[in-house]
Amino acid sequence: MFSSAKGSFNVLVYMHRYQPDTVSVILNGYLREYRSKLNAKISQLEAIETSADSSQAEKTRAAKDIEAMRKIIKELDDYEKDILYPLASENIAIDLDDGVKVNYNKLGKALQKITGLTEK
């Protein structure tokens, strides 16, 4: 389970389907796409926030949603910059014969922590 720090972004990968380029696929095909969709939604909400036709409740809700999405985007940016991009550059291969515990720990902080499975 690839997961950002606060869990705003999660991708479940079946270990038997993992390839050395899987992290790059997650980065380019999922994380960046998700961030683009969040940015588009922020643009829509900013239009509501500045519209004269919107009620005060709609404007307040839009402002709150924009702030929440900006926090998620910040989390995604940090996850990409600090963890996922460097890992994608490594093209890490796994060996199914090594078992889940060894292979899971090869991908380190990019994965969700699981008690008893992940190293400290």
C-alpha atoms as a PDB file:
ATOM      1  CA  MET A   1       0.000   0.000   0.000  1.00  0.00           C
ATOM      2  CA  PHE A   2       1.698   3.152  -1.248  1.00  0.00           C
ATOM      3  CA  SER A   3       0.536   5.957   1.031  1.00  0.00           C
ATOM      4  CA  SER A   4       1.388   9.613   1.627  1.00  0.00           C
ATOM      5  CA  ALA A   5       2.184  10.763   5.159  1.00  0.00           C
ATOM      6  CA  LYS A   6      -1.377  11.624   6.189  1.00  0.00           C
ATOM      7  CA  GLY A   7      -3.017   9.113   3.877  1.00  0.00           C
ATOM      8  CA  SER A   8      -4.513  11.600   1.419  1.00  0.00           C
ATOM      9  CA  PHE A   9      -3.103   9.511  -1.420  1.00  0.00           C
ATOM     10  CA  ASN A  10      -3.146   5.705  -1.440  1.00  0.00           C
ATOM     11  CA  VAL A  11      -2.400   3.137  -4.132  1.00  0.00           C
ATOM     12  CA  LEU A  12      -2.725  -0.587  -3.549  1.00  0.00           C
ATOM     13  CA  VAL A  13      -0.291  -2.646  -5.628  1.00  0.00           C
ATOM     14  CA  TYR A  14      -0.506  -6.402  -5.859  1.00  0.00           C
ATOM     15  CA  MET A  15       3.014  -7.602  -5.069  1.00  0.00           C
ATOM     16  CA  HIS A  16       2.987 -10.244  -7.813  1.00  0.00           C
ATOM     17  CA  ARG A  17       2.281  -7.515 -10.396  1.00  0.00           C
ATOM     18  CA  TYR A  18       5.025  -5.181  -9.153  1.00  0.00           C
ATOM     19  CA  GLN A  19       7.677  -4.269 -11.744  1.00  0.00           C
ATOM     20  CA  PRO A  20      10.748  -2.023 -11.320  1.00  0.00           C
ATOM     21  CA  ASP A  21       8.868   0.805 -13.098  1.00  0.00           C
ATOM     22  CA  THR A  22       5.745   0.533 -10.898  1.00  0.00           C
ATOM     23  CA  VAL A  23       6.764   3.493  -8.727  1.00  0.00           C
ATOM     24  CA  SER A  24       7.180   5.644 -11.856  1.00  0.00           C
ATOM     25  CA  VAL A  25       3.734   4.575 -13.048  1.00  0.00           C
ATOM     26  CA  ILE A  26       2.245   5.539  -9.687  1.00  0.00           C
ATOM     27  CA  LEU A  27       4.034   8.888  -9.780  1.00  0.00           C
ATOM     28  CA  ASN A  28       3.168   9.840 -13.353  1.00  0.00           C
ATOM     29  CA  GLY A  29      -0.130   8.071 -13.866  1.00  0.00           C
ATOM     30  CA  TYR A  30      -1.779   8.520 -10.503  1.00  0.00           C
ATOM     31  CA  LEU A  31      -0.193  11.040  -8.126  1.00  0.00           C
ATOM     32  CA  ARG A  32       0.324  13.809 -10.673  1.00  0.00           C
ATOM     33  CA  GLU A  33      -3.084  13.151 -12.218  1.00  0.00           C
ATOM     34  CA  TYR A  34      -4.739  13.375  -8.805  1.00  0.00           C
ATOM     35  CA  ARG A  35      -2.924  16.629  -8.063  1.00  0.00           C
ATOM     36  CA  SER A  36      -4.092  18.051 -11.423  1.00  0.00           C
ATOM     37  CA  LYS A  37      -7.686  17.183 -10.577  1.00  0.00           C
ATOM     38  CA  LEU A  38      -7.367  18.854  -7.188  1.00  0.00           C
ATOM     39  CA  ASN A  39      -5.975  21.996  -8.837  1.00  0.00           C
ATOM     40  CA  ALA A  40      -8.898  22.016 -11.295  1.00  0.00           C
ATOM     41  CA  LYS A  41     -11.355  21.681  -8.421  1.00  0.00           C
ATOM     42  CA  ILE A  42      -9.647  24.564  -6.617  1.00  0.00           C
ATOM     43  CA  SER A  43     -10.115  26.711  -9.722  1.00  0.00           C
ATOM     44  CA  GLN A  44     -13.825  25.880  -9.752  1.00  0.00           C
ATOM     45  CA  LEU A  45     -14.151  26.694  -6.055  1.00  0.00           C
ATOM     46  CA  GLU A  46     -12.276  29.983  -6.496  1.00  0.00           C
ATOM     47  CA  ALA A  47     -14.819  30.933  -9.158  1.00  0.00           C
ATOM     48  CA  ILE A  48     -17.618  30.236  -6.686  1.00  0.00           C
ATOM     49  CA  GLU A  49     -15.789  32.168  -3.975  1.00  0.00           C
ATOM     50  CA  THR A  50     -15.473  35.281  -6.152  1.00  0.00           C
ATOM     51  CA  SER A  51     -18.851  35.058  -7.899  1.00  0.00           C
ATOM     52  CA  ALA A  52     -21.450  37.697  -7.119  1.00  0.00           C
ATOM     53  CA  ASP A  53     -24.154  35.075  -7.688  1.00  0.00           C
ATOM     54  CA  SER A  54     -22.918  32.828  -4.859  1.00  0.00           C
ATOM     55  CA  SER A  55     -24.430  33.037  -1.395  1.00  0.00           C
ATOM     56  CA  GLN A  56     -22.256  33.750   1.625  1.00  0.00           C
ATOM     57  CA  ALA A  57     -22.650  30.124   2.758  1.00  0.00           C
ATOM     58  CA  GLU A  58     -21.415  28.880  -0.626  1.00  0.00           C
ATOM     59  CA  LYS A  59     -18.449  31.262  -0.490  1.00  0.00           C
ATOM     60  CA  THR A  60     -17.551  30.165   3.033  1.00  0.00           C
ATOM     61  CA  ARG A  61     -17.804  26.486   2.110  1.00  0.00           C
ATOM     62  CA  ALA A  62     -15.699  27.064  -1.022  1.00  0.00           C
ATOM     63  CA  ALA A  63     -12.997  28.846   1.008  1.00  0.00           C
ATOM     64  CA  LYS A  64     -12.906  25.981   3.514  1.00  0.00           C
ATOM     65  CA  ASP A  65     -12.675  23.370   0.744  1.00  0.00           C
ATOM     66  CA  ILE A  66      -9.918  25.327  -1.029  1.00  0.00           C
ATOM     67  CA  GLU A  67      -7.858  25.409   2.164  1.00  0.00           C
ATOM     68  CA  ALA A  68      -8.318  21.662   2.706  1.00  0.00           C
ATOM     69  CA  MET A  69      -7.305  20.872  -0.883  1.00  0.00           C
ATOM     70  CA  ARG A  70      -4.238  23.096  -0.664  1.00  0.00           C
ATOM     71  CA  LYS A  71      -3.117  21.124   2.390  1.00  0.00           C
ATOM     72  CA  ILE A  72      -3.565  17.885   0.451  1.00  0.00           C
ATOM     73  CA  ILE A  73      -1.604  19.292  -2.498  1.00  0.00           C
ATOM     74  CA  LYS A  74       1.210  20.312  -0.130  1.00  0.00           C
ATOM     75  CA  GLU A  75       1.243  16.779   1.273  1.00  0.00           C
ATOM     76  CA  LEU A  76       1.353  15.313  -2.248  1.00  0.00           C
ATOM     77  CA  ASP A  77       4.171  17.669  -3.276  1.00  0.00           C
ATOM     78  CA  ASP A  78       6.227  16.629  -0.242  1.00  0.00           C
ATOM     79  CA  TYR A  79       5.495  12.930  -0.853  1.00  0.00           C
ATOM     80  CA  GLU A  80       6.588  13.244  -4.472  1.00  0.00           C
ATOM     81  CA  LYS A  81       9.700  15.336  -3.818  1.00  0.00           C
ATOM     82  CA  ASP A  82      11.004  13.558  -0.732  1.00  0.00           C
ATOM     83  CA  ILE A  83       9.905   9.969  -1.217  1.00  0.00           C
ATOM     84  CA  LEU A  84       8.274   8.870  -4.466  1.00  0.00           C
ATOM     85  CA  TYR A  85      10.458  10.626  -7.062  1.00  0.00           C
ATOM     86  CA  PRO A  86      13.780   9.440  -5.567  1.00  0.00           C
ATOM     87  CA  LEU A  87      12.355   5.927  -5.252  1.00  0.00           C
ATOM     88  CA  ALA A  88      11.111   5.980  -8.861  1.00  0.00           C
ATOM     89  CA  SER A  89      14.629   6.908  -9.987  1.00  0.00           C
ATOM     90  CA  GLU A  90      16.033   3.780  -8.356  1.00  0.00           C
ATOM     91  CA  ASN A  91      13.835   1.287 -10.278  1.00  0.00           C
ATOM     92  CA  ILE A  92      13.882  -1.132  -7.348  1.00  0.00           C
ATOM     93  CA  ALA A  93      13.315  -4.760  -8.241  1.00  0.00           C
ATOM     94  CA  ILE A  94      11.800  -7.252  -5.824  1.00  0.00           C
ATOM     95  CA  ASP A  95      12.213 -11.002  -5.581  1.00  0.00           C
ATOM     96  CA  LEU A  96       9.016 -12.815  -4.589  1.00  0.00           C
ATOM     97  CA  ASP A  97      11.111 -15.610  -3.080  1.00  0.00           C
ATOM     98  CA  ASP A  98      12.379 -13.133  -0.440  1.00  0.00           C
ATOM     99  CA  GLY A  99       8.911 -12.823   1.062  1.00  0.00           C
ATOM    100  CA  VAL A 100       6.657  -9.929   1.914  1.00  0.00           C
ATOM    101  CA  LYS A 101       8.647  -8.614   4.882  1.00  0.00           C
ATOM    102  CA  VAL A 102      11.872  -8.173   2.896  1.00  0.00           C
ATOM    103  CA  ASN A 103      10.199  -6.767  -0.224  1.00  0.00           C
ATOM    104  CA  TYR A 104       7.892  -4.393   1.668  1.00  0.00           C
ATOM    105  CA  ASN A 105      10.847  -2.824   3.445  1.00  0.00           C
ATOM    106  CA  LYS A 106      12.734  -2.268   0.175  1.00  0.00           C
ATOM    107  CA  LEU A 107      10.238   0.475  -0.659  1.00  0.00           C
ATOM    108  CA  GLY A 108      10.557   2.155   2.744  1.00  0.00           C
ATOM    109  CA  LYS A 109       8.656   5.344   3.540  1.00  0.00           C
ATOM    110  CA  ALA A 110       6.652   5.218   0.305  1.00  0.00           C
ATOM    111  CA  LEU A 111       4.502   2.495   1.831  1.00  0.00           C
ATOM    112  CA  GLN A 112       1.985   2.593   4.633  1.00  0.00           C
ATOM    113  CA  LYS A 113       3.415   1.445   7.970  1.00  0.00           C
ATOM    114  CA  ILE A 114       2.156  -1.939   9.067  1.00  0.00           C
ATOM    115  CA  THR A 115       2.949  -3.105  12.597  1.00  0.00           C
ATOM    116  CA  GLY A 116       5.146  -6.191  12.557  1.00  0.00           C
ATOM    117  CA  LEU A 117       5.929  -5.824   8.885  1.00  0.00           C
ATOM    118  CA  THR A 118       7.801  -2.559   8.554  1.00  0.00           C
ATOM    119  CA  GLU A 119      11.154  -1.794  10.082  1.00  0.00           C
ATOM    120  CA  LYS A 120      11.464   1.075  12.524  1.00  0.00           C
END
